[in-house]
Amino acid sequence: MHLPGKVKFRSRLLSELKIAIALLVILPASITNVQAAGDPADGERLARQWCAACHVVADDQTNGTEAVPSFTEIAKTRGFNEATLTGFLADPHPKMPDMSLTNREISNLASYILSRGN
């Protein structure tokens, strides 16, 4: 025997379940994109502050250390993307200074470096 209240409950439960599943699929992707999309303008500010002593970080910079690649060279390096750059910047090479950057600053710096490859 079908009860009208039971049918409405199942229908409502099914609708809510569909919404919950959609949110579980959509939200993590959205959060990842927000975290990955750094601010290249702030990244440039950080690069000029922390990186320009060794790397050529911008077109108007006349010199850097020849032993290290420019940001344009890094950006055009095959296999370098936001994930590899953020991982490297979070745990830099021993010859690099410990800049103690926040996750947001790392994301911003990585976005700026990648923008140099365009």
C-alpha atoms as a PDB file:
ATOM      1  CA  MET A   1       0.000   0.000   0.000  1.00  0.00           C
ATOM      2  CA  HIS A   2       1.407   3.402  -1.055  1.00  0.00           C
ATOM      3  CA  LEU A   3       1.155   6.241   1.376  1.00  0.00           C
ATOM      4  CA  PRO A   4       1.210   9.790  -0.110  1.00  0.00           C
ATOM      5  CA  GLY A   5       3.468  11.083   2.680  1.00  0.00           C
ATOM      6  CA  LYS A   6       5.971   8.305   2.115  1.00  0.00           C
ATOM      7  CA  VAL A   7       6.164   9.070  -1.627  1.00  0.00           C
ATOM      8  CA  LYS A   8       6.727  12.778  -0.953  1.00  0.00           C
ATOM      9  CA  PHE A   9       9.427  11.932   1.586  1.00  0.00           C
ATOM     10  CA  ARG A  10      11.245   9.628  -0.852  1.00  0.00           C
ATOM     11  CA  SER A  11      10.979  12.174  -3.641  1.00  0.00           C
ATOM     12  CA  ARG A  12      12.321  14.934  -1.405  1.00  0.00           C
ATOM     13  CA  LEU A  13      15.093  12.692  -0.092  1.00  0.00           C
ATOM     14  CA  LEU A  14      16.091  11.746  -3.642  1.00  0.00           C
ATOM     15  CA  SER A  15      16.182  15.415  -4.694  1.00  0.00           C
ATOM     16  CA  GLU A  16      18.324  16.348  -1.710  1.00  0.00           C
ATOM     17  CA  LEU A  17      20.624  13.428  -2.347  1.00  0.00           C
ATOM     18  CA  LYS A  18      21.127  14.544  -5.976  1.00  0.00           C
ATOM     19  CA  ILE A  19      21.993  18.057  -4.799  1.00  0.00           C
ATOM     20  CA  ALA A  20      24.450  16.708  -2.211  1.00  0.00           C
ATOM     21  CA  ILE A  21      26.180  14.523  -4.815  1.00  0.00           C
ATOM     22  CA  ALA A  22      26.399  17.436  -7.242  1.00  0.00           C
ATOM     23  CA  LEU A  23      27.947  19.624  -4.542  1.00  0.00           C
ATOM     24  CA  LEU A  24      30.475  16.926  -3.655  1.00  0.00           C
ATOM     25  CA  VAL A  25      31.541  16.799  -7.286  1.00  0.00           C
ATOM     26  CA  ILE A  26      31.528  20.537  -8.017  1.00  0.00           C
ATOM     27  CA  LEU A  27      32.855  22.125  -4.818  1.00  0.00           C
ATOM     28  CA  PRO A  28      36.226  20.377  -4.537  1.00  0.00           C
ATOM     29  CA  ALA A  29      37.028  21.292  -8.149  1.00  0.00           C
ATOM     30  CA  SER A  30      36.022  24.904  -7.502  1.00  0.00           C
ATOM     31  CA  ILE A  31      38.101  25.111  -4.343  1.00  0.00           C
ATOM     32  CA  THR A  32      41.127  23.656  -6.117  1.00  0.00           C
ATOM     33  CA  ASN A  33      40.797  26.188  -8.933  1.00  0.00           C
ATOM     34  CA  VAL A  34      40.558  29.067  -6.476  1.00  0.00           C
ATOM     35  CA  GLN A  35      43.650  27.908  -4.620  1.00  0.00           C
ATOM     36  CA  ALA A  36      45.610  27.278  -7.797  1.00  0.00           C
ATOM     37  CA  ALA A  37      44.760  30.593  -9.418  1.00  0.00           C
ATOM     38  CA  GLY A  38      47.298  32.909  -7.831  1.00  0.00           C
ATOM     39  CA  ASP A  39      47.623  36.654  -8.312  1.00  0.00           C
ATOM     40  CA  PRO A  40      50.416  37.240 -10.850  1.00  0.00           C
ATOM     41  CA  ALA A  41      50.688  40.953  -9.949  1.00  0.00           C
ATOM     42  CA  ASP A  42      51.441  40.098  -6.332  1.00  0.00           C
ATOM     43  CA  GLY A  43      53.718  37.329  -7.588  1.00  0.00           C
ATOM     44  CA  GLU A  44      55.712  39.921  -9.522  1.00  0.00           C
ATOM     45  CA  ARG A  45      56.031  42.051  -6.383  1.00  0.00           C
ATOM     46  CA  LEU A  46      57.341  39.023  -4.486  1.00  0.00           C
ATOM     47  CA  ALA A  47      59.700  38.100  -7.338  1.00  0.00           C
ATOM     48  CA  ARG A  48      61.210  41.573  -7.383  1.00  0.00           C
ATOM     49  CA  GLN A  49      61.593  41.475  -3.595  1.00  0.00           C
ATOM     50  CA  TRP A  50      62.951  37.938  -3.122  1.00  0.00           C
ATOM     51  CA  CYS A  51      64.141  36.545  -6.443  1.00  0.00           C
ATOM     52  CA  ALA A  52      65.618  39.384  -8.518  1.00  0.00           C
ATOM     53  CA  ALA A  53      68.999  39.209  -6.784  1.00  0.00           C
ATOM     54  CA  CYS A  54      69.692  35.970  -8.666  1.00  0.00           C
ATOM     55  CA  HIS A  55      66.994  35.486 -11.338  1.00  0.00           C
ATOM     56  CA  VAL A  56      65.965  37.825 -14.110  1.00  0.00           C
ATOM     57  CA  VAL A  57      62.308  38.156 -13.154  1.00  0.00           C
ATOM     58  CA  ALA A  58      61.056  40.896 -15.500  1.00  0.00           C
ATOM     59  CA  ASP A  59      61.751  42.479 -18.876  1.00  0.00           C
ATOM     60  CA  ASP A  60      63.020  45.707 -17.309  1.00  0.00           C
ATOM     61  CA  GLN A  61      65.636  43.885 -15.211  1.00  0.00           C
ATOM     62  CA  THR A  62      69.048  44.215 -16.791  1.00  0.00           C
ATOM     63  CA  ASN A  63      70.976  41.478 -15.000  1.00  0.00           C
ATOM     64  CA  GLY A  64      70.860  38.490 -12.704  1.00  0.00           C
ATOM     65  CA  THR A  65      73.178  35.614 -11.912  1.00  0.00           C
ATOM     66  CA  GLU A  66      74.117  33.704 -15.055  1.00  0.00           C
ATOM     67  CA  ALA A  67      74.165  30.418 -13.114  1.00  0.00           C
ATOM     68  CA  VAL A  68      70.382  30.444 -12.649  1.00  0.00           C
ATOM     69  CA  PRO A  69      67.595  30.527 -15.228  1.00  0.00           C
ATOM     70  CA  SER A  70      65.411  33.548 -15.822  1.00  0.00           C
ATOM     71  CA  PHE A  71      61.740  33.319 -14.927  1.00  0.00           C
ATOM     72  CA  THR A  72      60.937  33.251 -18.649  1.00  0.00           C
ATOM     73  CA  GLU A  73      63.213  30.229 -19.094  1.00  0.00           C
ATOM     74  CA  ILE A  74      61.618  28.512 -16.101  1.00  0.00           C
ATOM     75  CA  ALA A  75      58.124  29.215 -17.429  1.00  0.00           C
ATOM     76  CA  LYS A  76      59.008  27.694 -20.792  1.00  0.00           C
ATOM     77  CA  THR A  77      60.621  24.597 -19.275  1.00  0.00           C
ATOM     78  CA  ARG A  78      58.799  21.472 -20.344  1.00  0.00           C
ATOM     79  CA  GLY A  79      56.979  19.834 -17.456  1.00  0.00           C
ATOM     80  CA  PHE A  80      56.806  22.947 -15.310  1.00  0.00           C
ATOM     81  CA  ASN A  81      53.271  23.871 -14.373  1.00  0.00           C
ATOM     82  CA  GLU A  82      51.560  25.400 -11.367  1.00  0.00           C
ATOM     83  CA  ALA A  83      51.726  22.158  -9.394  1.00  0.00           C
ATOM     84  CA  THR A  84      55.440  21.567  -9.964  1.00  0.00           C
ATOM     85  CA  LEU A  85      56.298  25.200  -9.284  1.00  0.00           C
ATOM     86  CA  THR A  86      54.270  25.420  -6.090  1.00  0.00           C
ATOM     87  CA  GLY A  87      55.835  22.172  -4.892  1.00  0.00           C
ATOM     88  CA  PHE A  88      59.331  23.464  -5.640  1.00  0.00           C
ATOM     89  CA  LEU A  89      58.684  26.847  -4.009  1.00  0.00           C
ATOM     90  CA  ALA A  90      57.252  25.193  -0.903  1.00  0.00           C
ATOM     91  CA  ASP A  91      60.478  23.179  -0.495  1.00  0.00           C
ATOM     92  CA  PRO A  92      63.148  25.127  -2.412  1.00  0.00           C
ATOM     93  CA  HIS A  93      66.514  23.945  -3.624  1.00  0.00           C
ATOM     94  CA  PRO A  94      69.210  24.193  -0.933  1.00  0.00           C
ATOM     95  CA  LYS A  95      70.982  27.041  -2.735  1.00  0.00           C
ATOM     96  CA  MET A  96      67.827  29.147  -2.564  1.00  0.00           C
ATOM     97  CA  PRO A  97      67.151  31.179   0.578  1.00  0.00           C
ATOM     98  CA  ASP A  98      64.359  30.085   2.898  1.00  0.00           C
ATOM     99  CA  MET A  99      61.804  32.752   2.115  1.00  0.00           C
ATOM    100  CA  SER A 100      59.131  31.280   4.415  1.00  0.00           C
ATOM    101  CA  LEU A 101      56.379  32.078   1.920  1.00  0.00           C
ATOM    102  CA  THR A 102      52.734  31.442   2.721  1.00  0.00           C
ATOM    103  CA  ASN A 103      50.700  29.111   0.492  1.00  0.00           C
ATOM    104  CA  ARG A 104      49.009  32.145  -1.085  1.00  0.00           C
ATOM    105  CA  GLU A 105      52.378  33.800  -1.794  1.00  0.00           C
ATOM    106  CA  ILE A 106      53.671  30.573  -3.327  1.00  0.00           C
ATOM    107  CA  SER A 107      50.589  30.395  -5.551  1.00  0.00           C
ATOM    108  CA  ASN A 108      51.000  34.055  -6.535  1.00  0.00           C
ATOM    109  CA  LEU A 109      54.684  33.601  -7.347  1.00  0.00           C
ATOM    110  CA  ALA A 110      53.999  30.448  -9.374  1.00  0.00           C
ATOM    111  CA  SER A 111      51.265  32.270 -11.330  1.00  0.00           C
ATOM    112  CA  TYR A 112      53.650  35.106 -12.106  1.00  0.00           C
ATOM    113  CA  ILE A 113      56.433  32.755 -13.229  1.00  0.00           C
ATOM    114  CA  LEU A 114      54.036  30.887 -15.515  1.00  0.00           C
ATOM    115  CA  SER A 115      52.769  34.168 -16.966  1.00  0.00           C
ATOM    116  CA  ARG A 116      56.329  34.854 -18.152  1.00  0.00           C
ATOM    117  CA  GLY A 117      56.053  31.948 -20.590  1.00  0.00           C
ATOM    118  CA  ASN A 118      53.409  33.638 -22.709  1.00  0.00           C
END
